Amino acid sequence: MIKLTRLDGESFVLNADLIRYIERRPDTFITLISGERLVVGETMEVVIERAVQYQQQKHFMPMPTAGFTTATVPTSATN
């Protein structure tokens, strides 16, 4: 999720996985995979940077370890 700003100054959070493409004309337009278009106050470069950071964090986020244990699966030899 990335935090962006509408042209009226209102902040909102966008699921960056839904971005289809970004245009600069001169405002920044974001077209979602649904076809919906959003206009934001951030530059195209800032939106791209945040979307890339989001994707990097999503794929490198450590898995939770608390409460998880490795279990031994019984085999026919141990039954």
PDB file of N, CA and C in Angstrom:
ATOM      1  N   MET A   1       0.846  -1.167   0.000  1.00  0.00           N
ATOM      2  CA  MET A   1       0.000   0.000   0.000  1.00  0.00           C
ATOM      3  C   MET A   1       0.898   1.238   0.000  1.00  0.00           C
ATOM      4  N   ILE A   2       0.481   2.237  -0.755  1.00  0.00           N
ATOM      5  CA  ILE A   2       1.250   3.475  -0.804  1.00  0.00           C
ATOM      6  C   ILE A   2       0.340   4.651  -0.450  1.00  0.00           C
ATOM      7  N   LYS A   3       0.897   5.597   0.290  1.00  0.00           N
ATOM      8  CA  LYS A   3       0.145   6.777   0.703  1.00  0.00           C
ATOM      9  C   LYS A   3       0.314   7.859  -0.350  1.00  0.00           C
ATOM     10  N   LEU A   4      -0.815   8.406  -0.823  1.00  0.00           N
ATOM     11  CA  LEU A   4      -0.824   9.449  -1.838  1.00  0.00           C
ATOM     12  C   LEU A   4      -1.748  10.575  -1.396  1.00  0.00           C
ATOM     13  N   THR A   5      -1.790  11.646  -2.196  1.00  0.00           N
ATOM     14  CA  THR A   5      -2.594  12.820  -1.859  1.00  0.00           C
ATOM     15  C   THR A   5      -3.450  13.205  -3.058  1.00  0.00           C
ATOM     16  N   ARG A   6      -4.748  13.378  -2.815  1.00  0.00           N
ATOM     17  CA  ARG A   6      -5.639  13.875  -3.858  1.00  0.00           C
ATOM     18  C   ARG A   6      -5.319  15.347  -4.105  1.00  0.00           C
ATOM     19  N   LEU A   7      -5.789  15.899  -5.202  1.00  0.00           N
ATOM     20  CA  LEU A   7      -5.512  17.291  -5.520  1.00  0.00           C
ATOM     21  C   LEU A   7      -6.104  18.255  -4.492  1.00  0.00           C
ATOM     22  N   ASP A   8      -7.166  17.822  -3.779  1.00  0.00           N
ATOM     23  CA  ASP A   8      -7.759  18.679  -2.747  1.00  0.00           C
ATOM     24  C   ASP A   8      -7.009  18.604  -1.418  1.00  0.00           C
ATOM     25  N   GLY A   9      -5.904  17.843  -1.381  1.00  0.00           N
ATOM     26  CA  GLY A   9      -5.082  17.743  -0.178  1.00  0.00           C
ATOM     27  C   GLY A   9      -5.405  16.566   0.716  1.00  0.00           C
ATOM     28  N   GLU A  10      -6.442  15.805   0.395  1.00  0.00           N
ATOM     29  CA  GLU A  10      -6.837  14.660   1.213  1.00  0.00           C
ATOM     30  C   GLU A  10      -5.908  13.473   0.939  1.00  0.00           C
ATOM     31  N   SER A  11      -5.368  12.893   2.001  1.00  0.00           N
ATOM     32  CA  SER A  11      -4.498  11.721   1.880  1.00  0.00           C
ATOM     33  C   SER A  11      -5.337  10.459   1.739  1.00  0.00           C
ATOM     34  N   PHE A  12      -4.804   9.501   1.018  1.00  0.00           N
ATOM     35  CA  PHE A  12      -5.444   8.196   0.913  1.00  0.00           C
ATOM     36  C   PHE A  12      -4.363   7.151   0.662  1.00  0.00           C
ATOM     37  N   VAL A  13      -4.733   5.895   0.810  1.00  0.00           N
ATOM     38  CA  VAL A  13      -3.794   4.798   0.625  1.00  0.00           C
ATOM     39  C   VAL A  13      -4.288   3.957  -0.552  1.00  0.00           C
ATOM     40  N   LEU A  14      -3.365   3.639  -1.450  1.00  0.00           N
ATOM     41  CA  LEU A  14      -3.688   2.889  -2.655  1.00  0.00           C
ATOM     42  C   LEU A  14      -2.924   1.564  -2.662  1.00  0.00           C
ATOM     43  N   ASN A  15      -3.627   0.511  -3.011  1.00  0.00           N
ATOM     44  CA  ASN A  15      -2.963  -0.779  -3.200  1.00  0.00           C
ATOM     45  C   ASN A  15      -2.170  -0.699  -4.502  1.00  0.00           C
ATOM     46  N   ALA A  16      -0.866  -0.638  -4.408  1.00  0.00           N
ATOM     47  CA  ALA A  16      -0.007  -0.461  -5.581  1.00  0.00           C
ATOM     48  C   ALA A  16      -0.090  -1.631  -6.551  1.00  0.00           C
ATOM     49  N   ASP A  17      -0.579  -2.776  -6.111  1.00  0.00           N
ATOM     50  CA  ASP A  17      -0.748  -3.917  -7.006  1.00  0.00           C
ATOM     51  C   ASP A  17      -1.825  -3.653  -8.057  1.00  0.00           C
ATOM     52  N   LEU A  18      -2.674  -2.654  -7.820  1.00  0.00           N
ATOM     53  CA  LEU A  18      -3.778  -2.360  -8.732  1.00  0.00           C
ATOM     54  C   LEU A  18      -3.422  -1.342  -9.805  1.00  0.00           C
ATOM     55  N   ILE A  19      -2.191  -0.817  -9.783  1.00  0.00           N
ATOM     56  CA  ILE A  19      -1.796   0.194 -10.765  1.00  0.00           C
ATOM     57  C   ILE A  19      -1.518  -0.468 -12.116  1.00  0.00           C
ATOM     58  N   ARG A  20      -2.201   0.037 -13.135  1.00  0.00           N
ATOM     59  CA  ARG A  20      -1.952  -0.432 -14.506  1.00  0.00           C
ATOM     60  C   ARG A  20      -0.889   0.438 -15.162  1.00  0.00           C
ATOM     61  N   TYR A  21      -1.068   1.766 -15.098  1.00  0.00           N
ATOM     62  CA  TYR A  21      -0.027   2.668 -15.574  1.00  0.00           C
ATOM     63  C   TYR A  21      -0.199   4.059 -14.979  1.00  0.00           C
ATOM     64  N   ILE A  22       0.844   4.873 -15.115  1.00  0.00           N
ATOM     65  CA  ILE A  22       0.911   6.211 -14.545  1.00  0.00           C
ATOM     66  C   ILE A  22       1.268   7.170 -15.675  1.00  0.00           C
ATOM     67  N   GLU A  23       0.574   8.321 -15.707  1.00  0.00           N
ATOM     68  CA  GLU A  23       0.839   9.326 -16.740  1.00  0.00           C
ATOM     69  C   GLU A  23       1.060  10.693 -16.103  1.00  0.00           C
ATOM     70  N   ARG A  24       1.857  11.503 -16.789  1.00  0.00           N
ATOM     71  CA  ARG A  24       2.052  12.894 -16.366  1.00  0.00           C
ATOM     72  C   ARG A  24       1.475  13.757 -17.481  1.00  0.00           C
ATOM     73  N   ARG A  25       0.455  14.600 -17.135  1.00  0.00           N
ATOM     74  CA  ARG A  25      -0.189  15.390 -18.190  1.00  0.00           C
ATOM     75  C   ARG A  25      -0.844  16.665 -17.714  1.00  0.00           C
ATOM     76  N   PRO A  26      -0.410  17.700 -17.169  1.00  0.00           N
ATOM     77  CA  PRO A  26       0.768  17.799 -16.318  1.00  0.00           C
ATOM     78  C   PRO A  26       0.530  17.214 -14.933  1.00  0.00           C
ATOM     79  N   ASP A  27      -0.758  17.051 -14.530  1.00  0.00           N
ATOM     80  CA  ASP A  27      -1.005  16.365 -13.250  1.00  0.00           C
ATOM     81  C   ASP A  27      -0.678  14.883 -13.425  1.00  0.00           C
ATOM     82  N   THR A  28      -0.533  14.194 -12.307  1.00  0.00           N
ATOM     83  CA  THR A  28      -0.219  12.769 -12.351  1.00  0.00           C
ATOM     84  C   THR A  28      -1.508  11.964 -12.332  1.00  0.00           C
ATOM     85  N   PHE A  29      -1.751  11.206 -13.388  1.00  0.00           N
ATOM     86  CA  PHE A  29      -2.918  10.339 -13.505  1.00  0.00           C
ATOM     87  C   PHE A  29      -2.477   8.904 -13.283  1.00  0.00           C
ATOM     88  N   ILE A  30      -3.218   8.187 -12.432  1.00  0.00           N
ATOM     89  CA  ILE A  30      -2.958   6.765 -12.198  1.00  0.00           C
ATOM     90  C   ILE A  30      -4.162   6.005 -12.719  1.00  0.00           C
ATOM     91  N   THR A  31      -3.926   5.082 -13.638  1.00  0.00           N
ATOM     92  CA  THR A  31      -4.994   4.236 -14.140  1.00  0.00           C
ATOM     93  C   THR A  31      -4.851   2.871 -13.478  1.00  0.00           C
ATOM     94  N   LEU A  32      -5.941   2.417 -12.883  1.00  0.00           N
ATOM     95  CA  LEU A  32      -5.947   1.133 -12.189  1.00  0.00           C
ATOM     96  C   LEU A  32      -6.332   0.017 -13.154  1.00  0.00           C
ATOM     97  N   ILE A  33      -6.095  -1.211 -12.767  1.00  0.00           N
ATOM     98  CA  ILE A  33      -6.418  -2.347 -13.627  1.00  0.00           C
ATOM     99  C   ILE A  33      -7.919  -2.428 -13.903  1.00  0.00           C
ATOM    100  N   SER A  34      -8.741  -1.817 -13.053  1.00  0.00           N
ATOM    101  CA  SER A  34     -10.191  -1.789 -13.254  1.00  0.00           C
ATOM    102  C   SER A  34     -10.599  -0.757 -14.294  1.00  0.00           C
ATOM    103  N   GLY A  35      -9.667   0.138 -14.684  1.00  0.00           N
ATOM    104  CA  GLY A  35      -9.975   1.211 -15.607  1.00  0.00           C
ATOM    105  C   GLY A  35     -10.232   2.533 -14.905  1.00  0.00           C
ATOM    106  N   GLU A  36     -10.420   2.488 -13.589  1.00  0.00           N
ATOM    107  CA  GLU A  36     -10.632   3.718 -12.811  1.00  0.00           C
ATOM    108  C   GLU A  36      -9.377   4.576 -12.878  1.00  0.00           C
ATOM    109  N   ARG A  37      -9.576   5.897 -12.944  1.00  0.00           N
ATOM    110  CA  ARG A  37      -8.434   6.817 -13.009  1.00  0.00           C
ATOM    111  C   ARG A  37      -8.447   7.718 -11.784  1.00  0.00           C
ATOM    112  N   LEU A  38      -7.270   7.936 -11.240  1.00  0.00           N
ATOM    113  CA  LEU A  38      -7.088   8.810 -10.093  1.00  0.00           C
ATOM    114  C   LEU A  38      -6.114   9.910 -10.475  1.00  0.00           C
ATOM    115  N   VAL A  39      -6.326  11.108  -9.942  1.00  0.00           N
ATOM    116  CA  VAL A  39      -5.386  12.206 -10.139  1.00  0.00           C
ATOM    117  C   VAL A  39      -4.802  12.520  -8.770  1.00  0.00           C
ATOM    118  N   VAL A  40      -3.471  12.560  -8.685  1.00  0.00           N
ATOM    119  CA  VAL A  40      -2.806  12.765  -7.399  1.00  0.00           C
ATOM    120  C   VAL A  40      -1.863  13.955  -7.465  1.00  0.00           C
ATOM    121  N   GLY A  41      -1.515  14.469  -6.298  1.00  0.00           N
ATOM    122  CA  GLY A  41      -0.632  15.620  -6.191  1.00  0.00           C
ATOM    123  C   GLY A  41       0.834  15.275  -6.341  1.00  0.00           C
ATOM    124  N   GLU A  42       1.203  14.024  -6.103  1.00  0.00           N
ATOM    125  CA  GLU A  42       2.597  13.606  -6.218  1.00  0.00           C
ATOM    126  C   GLU A  42       3.017  13.558  -7.683  1.00  0.00           C
ATOM    127  N   THR A  43       4.307  13.702  -7.914  1.00  0.00           N
ATOM    128  CA  THR A  43       4.821  13.574  -9.274  1.00  0.00           C
ATOM    129  C   THR A  43       4.802  12.104  -9.685  1.00  0.00           C
ATOM    130  N   MET A  44       4.904  11.883 -10.982  1.00  0.00           N
ATOM    131  CA  MET A  44       4.952  10.524 -11.501  1.00  0.00           C
ATOM    132  C   MET A  44       6.142   9.771 -10.909  1.00  0.00           C
ATOM    133  N   GLU A  45       7.277  10.449 -10.792  1.00  0.00           N
ATOM    134  CA  GLU A  45       8.487   9.817 -10.247  1.00  0.00           C
ATOM    135  C   GLU A  45       8.286   9.372  -8.797  1.00  0.00           C
ATOM    136  N   VAL A  46       7.608  10.193  -7.992  1.00  0.00           N
ATOM    137  CA  VAL A  46       7.351   9.845  -6.588  1.00  0.00           C
ATOM    138  C   VAL A  46       6.431   8.634  -6.502  1.00  0.00           C
ATOM    139  N   VAL A  47       5.384   8.601  -7.322  1.00  0.00           N
ATOM    140  CA  VAL A  47       4.460   7.459  -7.311  1.00  0.00           C
ATOM    141  C   VAL A  47       5.205   6.187  -7.704  1.00  0.00           C
ATOM    142  N   ILE A  48       6.034   6.271  -8.727  1.00  0.00           N
ATOM    143  CA  ILE A  48       6.812   5.103  -9.161  1.00  0.00           C
ATOM    144  C   ILE A  48       7.741   4.648  -8.046  1.00  0.00           C
ATOM    145  N   GLU A  49       8.431   5.588  -7.420  1.00  0.00           N
ATOM    146  CA  GLU A  49       9.355   5.252  -6.329  1.00  0.00           C
ATOM    147  C   GLU A  49       8.625   4.544  -5.189  1.00  0.00           C
ATOM    148  N   ARG A  50       7.481   5.068  -4.802  1.00  0.00           N
ATOM    149  CA  ARG A  50       6.709   4.441  -3.707  1.00  0.00           C
ATOM    150  C   ARG A  50       6.189   3.068  -4.101  1.00  0.00           C
ATOM    151  N   ALA A  51       5.739   2.923  -5.339  1.00  0.00           N
ATOM    152  CA  ALA A  51       5.235   1.629  -5.800  1.00  0.00           C
ATOM    153  C   ALA A  51       6.350   0.589  -5.831  1.00  0.00           C
ATOM    154  N   VAL A  52       7.527   0.986  -6.286  1.00  0.00           N
ATOM    155  CA  VAL A  52       8.676   0.067  -6.323  1.00  0.00           C
ATOM    156  C   VAL A  52       9.091  -0.313  -4.905  1.00  0.00           C
ATOM    157  N   GLN A  53       9.156   0.669  -4.003  1.00  0.00           N
ATOM    158  CA  GLN A  53       9.501   0.381  -2.597  1.00  0.00           C
ATOM    159  C   GLN A  53       8.490  -0.577  -1.987  1.00  0.00           C
ATOM    160  N   TYR A  54       7.207  -0.366  -2.278  1.00  0.00           N
ATOM    161  CA  TYR A  54       6.162  -1.259  -1.765  1.00  0.00           C
ATOM    162  C   TYR A  54       6.399  -2.687  -2.250  1.00  0.00           C
ATOM    163  N   GLN A  55       6.671  -2.845  -3.555  1.00  0.00           N
ATOM    164  CA  GLN A  55       6.894  -4.186  -4.097  1.00  0.00           C
ATOM    165  C   GLN A  55       8.129  -4.838  -3.482  1.00  0.00           C
ATOM    166  N   GLN A  56       9.184  -4.062  -3.295  1.00  0.00           N
ATOM    167  CA  GLN A  56      10.398  -4.600  -2.687  1.00  0.00           C
ATOM    168  C   GLN A  56      10.134  -5.031  -1.254  1.00  0.00           C
ATOM    169  N   GLN A  57       9.437  -4.207  -0.486  1.00  0.00           N
ATOM    170  CA  GLN A  57       9.139  -4.549   0.907  1.00  0.00           C
ATOM    171  C   GLN A  57       8.224  -5.761   0.989  1.00  0.00           C
ATOM    172  N   LYS A  58       7.279  -5.850   0.069  1.00  0.00           N
ATOM    173  CA  LYS A  58       6.325  -6.965   0.068  1.00  0.00           C
ATOM    174  C   LYS A  58       7.056  -8.284  -0.154  1.00  0.00           C
ATOM    175  N   HIS A  59       8.044  -8.298  -1.035  1.00  0.00           N
ATOM    176  CA  HIS A  59       8.734  -9.545  -1.366  1.00  0.00           C
ATOM    177  C   HIS A  59       9.872  -9.882  -0.412  1.00  0.00           C
ATOM    178  N   PHE A  60      10.360  -8.917   0.343  1.00  0.00           N
ATOM    179  CA  PHE A  60      11.456  -9.180   1.270  1.00  0.00           C
ATOM    180  C   PHE A  60      11.037  -9.137   2.728  1.00  0.00           C
ATOM    181  N   MET A  61       9.737  -9.064   2.977  1.00  0.00           N
ATOM    182  CA  MET A  61       9.235  -9.018   4.344  1.00  0.00           C
ATOM    183  C   MET A  61       9.522 -10.363   5.019  1.00  0.00           C
ATOM    184  N   PRO A  62      10.162 -10.326   6.174  1.00  0.00           N
ATOM    185  CA  PRO A  62      10.452 -11.599   6.860  1.00  0.00           C
ATOM    186  C   PRO A  62       9.171 -12.284   7.311  1.00  0.00           C
ATOM    187  N   MET A  63       9.190 -13.575   7.251  1.00  0.00           N
ATOM    188  CA  MET A  63       8.034 -14.359   7.697  1.00  0.00           C
ATOM    189  C   MET A  63       7.984 -14.367   9.218  1.00  0.00           C
ATOM    190  N   PRO A  64       6.784 -14.325   9.789  1.00  0.00           N
ATOM    191  CA  PRO A  64       6.683 -14.374  11.249  1.00  0.00           C
ATOM    192  C   PRO A  64       7.157 -15.721  11.762  1.00  0.00           C
ATOM    193  N   THR A  65       7.863 -15.700  12.898  1.00  0.00           N
ATOM    194  CA  THR A  65       8.372 -16.951  13.460  1.00  0.00           C
ATOM    195  C   THR A  65       7.710 -17.298  14.780  1.00  0.00           C
ATOM    196  N   ALA A  66       7.129 -16.334  15.451  1.00  0.00           N
ATOM    197  CA  ALA A  66       6.504 -16.590  16.753  1.00  0.00           C
ATOM    198  C   ALA A  66       5.309 -17.517  16.583  1.00  0.00           C
ATOM    199  N   GLY A  67       5.267 -18.563  17.367  1.00  0.00           N
ATOM    200  CA  GLY A  67       4.137 -19.470  17.360  1.00  0.00           C
ATOM    201  C   GLY A  67       4.223 -20.571  16.316  1.00  0.00           C
ATOM    202  N   PHE A  68       5.232 -20.556  15.469  1.00  0.00           N
ATOM    203  CA  PHE A  68       5.380 -21.586  14.460  1.00  0.00           C
ATOM    204  C   PHE A  68       6.480 -22.546  14.884  1.00  0.00           C
ATOM    205  N   THR A  69       6.220 -23.835  14.723  1.00  0.00           N
ATOM    206  CA  THR A  69       7.239 -24.845  15.004  1.00  0.00           C
ATOM    207  C   THR A  69       7.289 -25.797  13.822  1.00  0.00           C
ATOM    208  N   THR A  70       8.398 -26.439  13.676  1.00  0.00           N
ATOM    209  CA  THR A  70       8.497 -27.449  12.624  1.00  0.00           C
ATOM    210  C   THR A  70       8.013 -28.762  13.197  1.00  0.00           C
ATOM    211  N   ALA A  71       7.132 -29.391  12.492  1.00  0.00           N
ATOM    212  CA  ALA A  71       6.584 -30.666  12.962  1.00  0.00           C
ATOM    213  C   ALA A  71       7.166 -31.795  12.131  1.00  0.00           C
ATOM    214  N   THR A  72       7.337 -32.930  12.775  1.00  0.00           N
ATOM    215  CA  THR A  72       7.813 -34.111  12.071  1.00  0.00           C
ATOM    216  C   THR A  72       6.606 -34.849  11.533  1.00  0.00           C
ATOM    217  N   VAL A  73       6.641 -35.143  10.250  1.00  0.00           N
ATOM    218  CA  VAL A  73       5.549 -35.871   9.634  1.00  0.00           C
ATOM    219  C   VAL A  73       5.842 -37.347   9.758  1.00  0.00           C
ATOM    220  N   PRO A  74       4.911 -38.103  10.352  1.00  0.00           N
ATOM    221  CA  PRO A  74       5.157 -39.531  10.504  1.00  0.00           C
ATOM    222  C   PRO A  74       5.227 -40.231   9.159  1.00  0.00           C
ATOM    223  N   THR A  75       6.133 -41.172   9.060  1.00  0.00           N
ATOM    224  CA  THR A  75       6.247 -41.975   7.848  1.00  0.00           C
ATOM    225  C   THR A  75       5.855 -43.396   8.199  1.00  0.00           C
ATOM    226  N   SER A  76       5.731 -44.218   7.216  1.00  0.00           N
ATOM    227  CA  SER A  76       5.328 -45.610   7.456  1.00  0.00           C
ATOM    228  C   SER A  76       6.376 -46.346   8.318  1.00  0.00           C
ATOM    229  N   ALA A  77       7.632 -45.931   8.258  1.00  0.00           N
ATOM    230  CA  ALA A  77       8.693 -46.577   9.038  1.00  0.00           C
ATOM    231  C   ALA A  77       8.594 -46.225  10.515  1.00  0.00           C
ATOM    232  N   THR A  78       7.975 -45.091  10.860  1.00  0.00           N
ATOM    233  CA  THR A  78       7.887 -44.693  12.271  1.00  0.00           C
ATOM    234  C   THR A  78       6.536 -45.031  12.866  1.00  0.00           C
ATOM    235  N   ASN A  79       5.623 -45.569  12.099  1.00  0.00           N
ATOM    236  CA  ASN A  79       4.279 -45.885  12.627  1.00  0.00           C
ATOM    237  C   ASN A  79       4.246 -47.198  13.296  1.00  0.00           C
TER     238      ASN A  79
END
